[in-house]
Amino acid sequence: MTKAAFIRARVEPKLKVVAENVLNQLGITPTQAITMLYSRIAREQEWPLELKIPNAKTARAIKEARKGKGVTVCKDANDLIKKLED
């Protein structure tokens, strides 16, 4: 679908700079952020939950988990219970 509609909003310059810095840290462009917001509002018919930048400890854990470090793989729920009990 071609993107042809425009959304125009006025915000304080400092707010724009700070918000775009956060979006940059999340790897999201302002256009992507607005599209995500509108899509979720349309789908759920309500204001969506917040996105947050993880703190340093959480970011490190996410990075390690993506590499498979400290991750336990289970075949099914029974295998998970068995591994938790061990």
N, C-alpha and C. Protein backbone atom coordinates (compact mmCIF):
# COMPACT_ATOMS: atom_id res chain seq x y z
N MET A 1 0.84 -1.18 0.00
CA MET A 1 0.00 0.00 0.00
C MET A 1 0.89 1.24 0.00
N THR A 2 0.59 2.19 -0.85
CA THR A 2 1.37 3.41 -0.96
C THR A 2 1.07 4.33 0.21
N LYS A 3 2.13 4.88 0.78
CA LYS A 3 1.95 5.84 1.86
C LYS A 3 1.80 7.22 1.24
N ALA A 4 0.59 7.78 1.32
CA ALA A 4 0.33 9.06 0.70
C ALA A 4 -0.29 10.07 1.66
N ALA A 5 -0.72 9.65 2.83
CA ALA A 5 -1.35 10.56 3.78
C ALA A 5 -0.27 11.19 4.66
N PHE A 6 -0.49 12.44 5.03
CA PHE A 6 0.45 13.15 5.87
C PHE A 6 -0.17 13.45 7.22
N ILE A 7 0.64 13.39 8.25
CA ILE A 7 0.23 13.79 9.59
C ILE A 7 1.14 14.95 9.98
N ARG A 8 0.56 16.02 10.42
CA ARG A 8 1.35 17.18 10.80
C ARG A 8 1.02 17.52 12.24
N ALA A 9 2.05 17.66 13.05
CA ALA A 9 1.85 18.00 14.45
C ALA A 9 2.91 19.00 14.89
N ARG A 10 2.53 19.90 15.75
CA ARG A 10 3.48 20.86 16.30
C ARG A 10 3.82 20.43 17.72
N VAL A 11 5.12 20.36 17.99
CA VAL A 11 5.59 20.04 19.34
C VAL A 11 6.72 20.99 19.69
N GLU A 12 7.01 21.09 20.97
CA GLU A 12 8.12 21.94 21.40
C GLU A 12 9.43 21.38 20.84
N PRO A 13 10.32 22.24 20.37
CA PRO A 13 11.59 21.77 19.78
C PRO A 13 12.38 20.85 20.70
N LYS A 14 12.46 21.17 21.99
CA LYS A 14 13.22 20.33 22.92
C LYS A 14 12.59 18.94 23.03
N LEU A 15 11.26 18.87 23.08
CA LEU A 15 10.56 17.59 23.14
C LEU A 15 10.87 16.76 21.90
N LYS A 16 10.87 17.40 20.74
CA LYS A 16 11.18 16.70 19.48
C LYS A 16 12.58 16.10 19.53
N VAL A 17 13.55 16.87 19.97
CA VAL A 17 14.94 16.40 20.02
C VAL A 17 15.07 15.22 20.98
N VAL A 18 14.50 15.36 22.18
CA VAL A 18 14.60 14.29 23.18
C VAL A 18 13.89 13.03 22.70
N ALA A 19 12.68 13.18 22.16
CA ALA A 19 11.92 12.01 21.69
C ALA A 19 12.63 11.32 20.53
N GLU A 20 13.16 12.09 19.60
CA GLU A 20 13.85 11.48 18.47
C GLU A 20 15.14 10.79 18.90
N ASN A 21 15.77 11.28 19.96
CA ASN A 21 16.95 10.60 20.51
C ASN A 21 16.56 9.23 21.05
N VAL A 22 15.45 9.16 21.76
CA VAL A 22 14.96 7.88 22.29
C VAL A 22 14.61 6.94 21.14
N LEU A 23 13.89 7.44 20.15
CA LEU A 23 13.53 6.61 18.99
C LEU A 23 14.79 6.09 18.30
N ASN A 24 15.80 6.93 18.18
CA ASN A 24 17.06 6.52 17.57
C ASN A 24 17.69 5.38 18.37
N GLN A 25 17.65 5.47 19.70
CA GLN A 25 18.19 4.40 20.54
C GLN A 25 17.41 3.10 20.36
N LEU A 26 16.14 3.21 20.08
CA LEU A 26 15.30 2.04 19.84
C LEU A 26 15.43 1.54 18.40
N GLY A 27 16.09 2.32 17.54
CA GLY A 27 16.25 1.93 16.15
C GLY A 27 14.99 2.16 15.33
N ILE A 28 14.20 3.17 15.71
CA ILE A 28 12.93 3.45 15.05
C ILE A 28 12.93 4.89 14.53
N THR A 29 12.49 5.08 13.29
CA THR A 29 12.37 6.43 12.75
C THR A 29 11.07 7.06 13.27
N PRO A 30 10.97 8.39 13.24
CA PRO A 30 9.71 9.03 13.63
C PRO A 30 8.52 8.53 12.81
N THR A 31 8.71 8.33 11.52
CA THR A 31 7.62 7.81 10.68
C THR A 31 7.20 6.41 11.13
N GLN A 32 8.18 5.55 11.41
CA GLN A 32 7.87 4.20 11.89
C GLN A 32 7.13 4.26 13.23
N ALA A 33 7.56 5.15 14.11
CA ALA A 33 6.92 5.27 15.43
C ALA A 33 5.46 5.69 15.29
N ILE A 34 5.21 6.65 14.43
CA ILE A 34 3.83 7.11 14.23
C ILE A 34 2.99 6.02 13.58
N THR A 35 3.56 5.32 12.61
CA THR A 35 2.84 4.22 11.95
C THR A 35 2.51 3.12 12.96
N MET A 36 3.50 2.77 13.82
CA MET A 36 3.26 1.75 14.85
C MET A 36 2.16 2.20 15.81
N LEU A 37 2.21 3.45 16.23
CA LEU A 37 1.21 3.99 17.14
C LEU A 37 -0.18 3.94 16.51
N TYR A 38 -0.31 4.44 15.30
CA TYR A 38 -1.61 4.44 14.63
C TYR A 38 -2.13 3.03 14.38
N SER A 39 -1.24 2.13 13.98
CA SER A 39 -1.65 0.74 13.71
C SER A 39 -2.21 0.08 14.96
N ARG A 40 -1.52 0.28 16.07
CA ARG A 40 -1.96 -0.34 17.32
C ARG A 40 -3.26 0.27 17.82
N ILE A 41 -3.36 1.59 17.73
CA ILE A 41 -4.61 2.26 18.13
C ILE A 41 -5.77 1.74 17.30
N ALA A 42 -5.57 1.63 15.98
CA ALA A 42 -6.64 1.15 15.09
C ALA A 42 -7.01 -0.29 15.40
N ARG A 43 -6.00 -1.13 15.64
CA ARG A 43 -6.25 -2.55 15.89
C ARG A 43 -6.93 -2.78 17.23
N GLU A 44 -6.44 -2.11 18.28
CA GLU A 44 -6.93 -2.39 19.63
C GLU A 44 -8.01 -1.43 20.10
N GLN A 45 -8.24 -0.37 19.33
CA GLN A 45 -9.26 0.61 19.68
C GLN A 45 -9.03 1.22 21.06
N GLU A 46 -7.75 1.41 21.42
CA GLU A 46 -7.39 2.04 22.69
C GLU A 46 -5.95 2.52 22.62
N TRP A 47 -5.55 3.30 23.62
CA TRP A 47 -4.17 3.79 23.69
C TRP A 47 -3.26 2.63 24.07
N PRO A 48 -2.15 2.43 23.34
CA PRO A 48 -1.28 1.27 23.59
C PRO A 48 -0.36 1.44 24.80
N LEU A 49 0.28 0.33 25.15
CA LEU A 49 1.26 0.33 26.24
C LEU A 49 2.52 1.06 25.81
N GLU A 50 3.36 1.39 26.78
CA GLU A 50 4.60 2.12 26.52
C GLU A 50 5.71 1.21 25.98
N LEU A 51 6.58 1.80 25.20
CA LEU A 51 7.85 1.18 24.84
C LEU A 51 8.91 1.83 25.73
N LYS A 52 9.81 1.03 26.27
CA LYS A 52 10.84 1.58 27.13
C LYS A 52 12.21 1.08 26.69
N ILE A 53 13.20 1.92 26.87
CA ILE A 53 14.58 1.53 26.61
C ILE A 53 15.03 0.70 27.80
N PRO A 54 15.54 -0.51 27.57
CA PRO A 54 15.97 -1.33 28.70
C PRO A 54 17.17 -0.71 29.41
N ASN A 55 17.24 -0.93 30.74
CA ASN A 55 18.41 -0.45 31.47
C ASN A 55 19.62 -1.30 31.06
N ALA A 56 20.80 -0.92 31.52
CA ALA A 56 22.04 -1.58 31.08
C ALA A 56 22.03 -3.08 31.38
N LYS A 57 21.54 -3.47 32.55
CA LYS A 57 21.53 -4.89 32.94
C LYS A 57 20.60 -5.68 32.01
N THR A 58 19.41 -5.14 31.76
CA THR A 58 18.46 -5.82 30.90
C THR A 58 18.96 -5.88 29.46
N ALA A 59 19.55 -4.80 28.97
CA ALA A 59 20.09 -4.77 27.61
C ALA A 59 21.19 -5.83 27.46
N ARG A 60 22.04 -5.98 28.47
CA ARG A 60 23.10 -6.98 28.43
C ARG A 60 22.50 -8.39 28.40
N ALA A 61 21.47 -8.63 29.21
CA ALA A 61 20.81 -9.94 29.26
C ALA A 61 20.16 -10.27 27.92
N ILE A 62 19.54 -9.28 27.29
CA ILE A 62 18.91 -9.49 25.98
C ILE A 62 19.98 -9.85 24.95
N LYS A 63 21.08 -9.10 24.96
CA LYS A 63 22.17 -9.36 24.01
C LYS A 63 22.74 -10.76 24.20
N GLU A 64 22.95 -11.17 25.45
CA GLU A 64 23.48 -12.51 25.73
C GLU A 64 22.49 -13.59 25.32
N ALA A 65 21.20 -13.37 25.60
CA ALA A 65 20.18 -14.36 25.24
C ALA A 65 20.10 -14.54 23.72
N ARG A 66 20.23 -13.44 22.98
CA ARG A 66 20.20 -13.53 21.51
C ARG A 66 21.36 -14.34 20.98
N LYS A 67 22.47 -14.37 21.73
CA LYS A 67 23.64 -15.17 21.35
C LYS A 67 23.54 -16.60 21.88
N GLY A 68 22.49 -16.87 22.67
CA GLY A 68 22.30 -18.21 23.21
C GLY A 68 22.96 -18.43 24.56
N LYS A 69 23.63 -17.42 25.11
CA LYS A 69 24.31 -17.56 26.40
C LYS A 69 23.29 -17.58 27.53
N GLY A 70 23.34 -18.64 28.34
CA GLY A 70 22.43 -18.75 29.47
C GLY A 70 21.02 -19.16 29.11
N VAL A 71 20.83 -19.61 27.88
CA VAL A 71 19.50 -20.01 27.42
C VAL A 71 19.35 -21.53 27.55
N THR A 72 18.24 -21.96 28.13
CA THR A 72 17.94 -23.38 28.25
C THR A 72 16.84 -23.72 27.24
N VAL A 73 17.09 -24.72 26.43
CA VAL A 73 16.12 -25.14 25.41
C VAL A 73 15.38 -26.37 25.93
N CYS A 74 14.06 -26.35 25.81
CA CYS A 74 13.23 -27.47 26.27
C CYS A 74 12.40 -28.01 25.10
N LYS A 75 12.19 -29.32 25.11
CA LYS A 75 11.39 -29.96 24.06
C LYS A 75 9.91 -29.63 24.21
N ASP A 76 9.45 -29.60 25.46
CA ASP A 76 8.04 -29.35 25.73
C ASP A 76 7.89 -28.92 27.19
N ALA A 77 6.66 -28.74 27.65
CA ALA A 77 6.40 -28.29 29.01
C ALA A 77 6.93 -29.27 30.05
N ASN A 78 6.79 -30.57 29.78
CA ASN A 78 7.29 -31.57 30.72
C ASN A 78 8.81 -31.49 30.86
N ASP A 79 9.49 -31.29 29.75
CA ASP A 79 10.94 -31.14 29.78
C ASP A 79 11.33 -29.87 30.57
N LEU A 80 10.58 -28.82 30.40
CA LEU A 80 10.82 -27.58 31.14
C LEU A 80 10.69 -27.82 32.65
N ILE A 81 9.62 -28.48 33.06
CA ILE A 81 9.40 -28.77 34.49
C ILE A 81 10.53 -29.62 35.03
N LYS A 82 10.93 -30.62 34.28
CA LYS A 82 12.03 -31.49 34.71
C LYS A 82 13.31 -30.68 34.90
N LYS A 83 13.63 -29.81 33.96
CA LYS A 83 14.84 -28.99 34.06
C LYS A 83 14.76 -28.00 35.21
N LEU A 84 13.59 -27.50 35.49
CA LEU A 84 13.42 -26.57 36.62
C LEU A 84 13.60 -27.29 37.96
N GLU A 85 13.19 -28.54 38.01
CA GLU A 85 13.31 -29.31 39.25
C GLU A 85 14.73 -29.77 39.50
N ASP A 86 15.53 -29.93 38.44
CA ASP A 86 16.93 -30.39 38.58
C ASP A 86 17.82 -29.35 39.22
